[in-house]
Amino acid sequence: MISLIGLPGSGKSTVGRQLARRMQLPFLDSDHEIEQSLGCSIREYFEREGEDRFRDMEEAVIDELTQQPKGVLSTGGGVVLRANNRQHLHERTRVVYLNSMPDELFRRLRHDKNRPLLQVADPLQRLRDLYAQRAQLYRETAHFSVDTGRPSVSTLVNMITMQLDMASSA
């Protein structure tokens, strides 16, 4: 199992789908699985129940998904906030951190209304704060890191597959 972690908008779902297709593995998206379980959007649940209740649900889903025998797992941006999630991801999967700078993410996300943590007066500052809060947790959890910068999705997939290939032949 390969897991992708990173800030909201770093490309986890988009890159994950292409990586799964390239490696002929099932694609799993923890946010999608959570929404299926809840019967509503994460944004609605977040607003109604709060972040702690959402993180409880996310932790249960990550525990379940990381026990799958194979696949590519796209996680939510805040997955690393819980120690159990970091442990399950690191011990049960090969974790790739899609490292994106806040300014780049802001350019990608400035019109996206579906990300609950970015529905604030200053989303760029919020992304900078999230990066400051989470970057070290992403690095600690990951086995590999890829700077997303401006490469195309297919270039990122190539970079990830090369790192995975090099690691498995070492």
Protein backbone atom coordinates (compact mmCIF):
# COMPACT_ATOMS: atom_id res chain seq x y z
CA MET A 1 0.00 0.00 0.00
CA ILE A 2 1.22 3.47 -0.93
CA SER A 3 -0.17 6.52 0.90
CA LEU A 4 -0.03 10.15 -0.18
CA ILE A 5 0.04 12.91 2.43
CA GLY A 6 0.31 16.69 2.19
CA LEU A 7 -1.55 19.95 2.61
CA PRO A 8 -4.99 20.51 1.09
CA GLY A 9 -4.60 20.98 -2.66
CA SER A 10 -1.15 19.39 -2.91
CA GLY A 11 -2.49 16.90 -5.48
CA LYS A 12 -3.01 13.79 -3.37
CA SER A 13 -6.21 12.70 -5.10
CA THR A 14 -5.19 13.70 -8.63
CA VAL A 15 -1.69 12.23 -8.38
CA GLY A 16 -3.03 9.22 -6.48
CA ARG A 17 -5.49 8.30 -9.22
CA GLN A 18 -2.79 8.43 -11.90
CA LEU A 19 -0.27 6.60 -9.74
CA ALA A 20 -2.81 3.83 -9.06
CA ARG A 21 -3.59 3.57 -12.77
CA ARG A 22 0.12 3.44 -13.66
CA MET A 23 0.84 0.77 -11.05
CA GLN A 24 -2.40 -1.11 -11.76
CA LEU A 25 -3.51 -0.82 -8.14
CA PRO A 26 -6.86 0.15 -6.62
CA PHE A 27 -7.24 3.84 -5.72
CA LEU A 28 -8.62 4.70 -2.28
CA ASP A 29 -9.47 8.18 -1.04
CA SER A 30 -9.95 8.49 2.72
CA ASP A 31 -12.07 11.65 2.36
CA HIS A 32 -14.38 9.86 -0.09
CA GLU A 33 -14.65 6.86 2.26
CA ILE A 34 -15.50 9.19 5.16
CA GLU A 35 -18.20 10.94 3.12
CA GLN A 36 -19.67 7.56 2.13
CA SER A 37 -19.84 6.57 5.81
CA LEU A 38 -21.30 9.90 6.91
CA GLY A 39 -23.82 10.27 4.11
CA CYS A 40 -22.88 13.95 3.77
CA SER A 41 -19.93 16.10 2.75
CA ILE A 42 -16.98 16.54 5.07
CA ARG A 43 -17.65 20.26 5.02
CA GLU A 44 -21.23 19.74 6.30
CA TYR A 45 -20.08 17.31 9.00
CA PHE A 46 -17.24 19.61 10.01
CA GLU A 47 -19.64 22.55 10.41
CA ARG A 48 -22.25 20.50 12.28
CA GLU A 49 -20.09 18.30 14.54
CA GLY A 50 -16.73 20.09 14.72
CA GLU A 51 -13.17 19.13 13.89
CA ASP A 52 -12.64 16.69 16.79
CA ARG A 53 -15.58 14.49 15.78
CA PHE A 54 -14.37 14.57 12.18
CA ARG A 55 -10.84 13.55 13.26
CA ASP A 56 -12.31 10.61 15.24
CA MET A 57 -14.06 9.39 12.09
CA GLU A 58 -10.93 9.96 10.01
CA GLU A 59 -8.81 7.95 12.46
CA ALA A 60 -11.15 4.95 12.24
CA VAL A 61 -11.15 5.10 8.42
CA ILE A 62 -7.34 5.38 8.23
CA ASP A 63 -6.98 2.39 10.56
CA GLU A 64 -9.23 0.36 8.26
CA LEU A 65 -7.78 1.54 4.92
CA THR A 66 -4.14 1.05 5.92
CA GLN A 67 -4.87 -2.63 6.50
CA GLN A 68 -5.76 -3.16 2.83
CA PRO A 69 -3.25 -5.47 1.10
CA LYS A 70 -2.49 -3.10 -1.80
CA GLY A 71 -3.52 0.14 -3.36
CA VAL A 72 -2.81 3.85 -3.50
CA LEU A 73 -4.38 5.83 -0.66
CA SER A 74 -5.02 9.56 -0.83
CA THR A 75 -5.45 11.02 2.66
CA GLY A 76 -6.95 14.24 3.99
CA GLY A 77 -4.54 17.10 4.64
CA GLY A 78 -4.93 16.92 8.43
CA VAL A 79 -4.44 13.17 8.73
CA VAL A 80 -1.04 13.66 10.39
CA LEU A 81 -2.53 15.57 13.32
CA ARG A 82 -3.31 12.31 15.13
CA ALA A 83 -0.41 10.13 16.33
CA ASN A 84 -2.32 6.90 15.56
CA ASN A 85 -2.76 7.97 11.95
CA ARG A 86 0.95 8.79 11.59
CA GLN A 87 1.86 5.42 13.09
CA HIS A 88 -0.58 3.39 10.97
CA LEU A 89 0.45 5.15 7.78
CA HIS A 90 4.19 4.86 8.44
CA GLU A 91 4.17 1.25 9.66
CA ARG A 92 1.61 -0.22 7.25
CA THR A 93 2.23 1.74 4.03
CA ARG A 94 4.93 3.44 2.01
CA VAL A 95 4.20 7.12 2.58
CA VAL A 96 4.90 9.81 -0.01
CA TYR A 97 4.74 13.43 1.13
CA LEU A 98 3.62 15.77 -1.64
CA ASN A 99 5.38 18.90 -0.40
CA SER A 100 3.70 22.06 -1.67
CA MET A 101 4.44 25.63 -0.68
CA PRO A 102 1.49 27.69 0.67
CA ASP A 103 1.72 30.35 -2.07
CA GLU A 104 1.49 27.68 -4.78
CA LEU A 105 -1.46 26.03 -3.04
CA PHE A 106 -3.24 29.36 -2.75
CA ARG A 107 -2.99 29.85 -6.52
CA ARG A 108 -4.58 26.41 -7.01
CA LEU A 109 -7.26 26.70 -4.32
CA ARG A 110 -8.32 30.34 -4.19
CA HIS A 111 -11.70 29.59 -5.82
CA ASP A 112 -12.37 26.24 -4.09
CA LYS A 113 -15.30 26.50 -1.66
CA ASN A 114 -15.30 22.83 -0.58
CA ARG A 115 -12.36 22.94 1.82
CA PRO A 116 -13.65 23.74 5.32
CA LEU A 117 -10.31 24.87 6.74
CA LEU A 118 -9.88 27.46 3.98
CA GLN A 119 -13.25 29.20 4.40
CA VAL A 120 -11.64 32.06 6.31
CA ALA A 121 -10.97 35.76 5.68
CA ASP A 122 -7.31 35.14 4.69
CA PRO A 123 -6.91 31.66 3.15
CA LEU A 124 -3.28 32.29 2.14
CA GLN A 125 -2.34 33.02 5.75
CA ARG A 126 -4.32 29.94 6.79
CA LEU A 127 -2.28 27.81 4.35
CA ARG A 128 0.93 29.30 5.74
CA ASP A 129 -0.23 28.48 9.27
CA LEU A 130 -1.18 24.91 8.27
CA TYR A 131 2.22 24.45 6.63
CA ALA A 132 4.02 25.70 9.75
CA GLN A 133 1.90 23.42 11.94
CA ARG A 134 2.05 20.27 9.79
CA ALA A 135 5.23 20.21 7.66
CA GLN A 136 7.34 18.49 10.33
CA LEU A 137 4.59 15.90 10.95
CA TYR A 138 4.42 15.15 7.21
CA ARG A 139 8.21 14.72 7.07
CA GLU A 140 8.22 12.42 10.13
CA THR A 141 5.45 10.25 8.69
CA ALA A 142 6.81 10.00 5.14
CA HIS A 143 9.25 7.52 3.67
CA PHE A 144 9.66 9.73 0.57
CA SER A 145 9.09 13.38 -0.21
CA VAL A 146 8.36 14.97 -3.57
CA ASP A 147 8.28 18.73 -4.09
CA THR A 148 5.21 19.43 -6.18
CA GLY A 149 6.21 22.91 -7.38
CA ARG A 150 5.07 23.20 -10.97
CA PRO A 151 5.64 19.73 -12.49
CA SER A 152 2.77 18.11 -14.33
CA VAL A 153 0.83 15.30 -12.69
CA SER A 154 2.49 12.73 -14.96
CA THR A 155 5.95 14.09 -14.00
CA LEU A 156 5.06 13.77 -10.30
CA VAL A 157 3.86 10.20 -10.88
CA ASN A 158 7.16 9.43 -12.64
CA MET A 159 9.13 10.92 -9.73
CA ILE A 160 7.17 8.84 -7.21
CA THR A 161 7.47 5.58 -9.15
CA MET A 162 11.24 6.14 -9.53
CA GLN A 163 11.62 6.65 -5.77
CA LEU A 164 9.52 3.56 -5.03
CA ASP A 165 11.48 1.48 -7.57
CA MET A 166 14.83 2.63 -6.17
CA ALA A 167 13.72 1.83 -2.63
CA SER A 168 12.47 -1.65 -3.49
CA SER A 169 15.66 -2.55 -5.37
CA ALA A 170 17.95 -1.25 -2.61
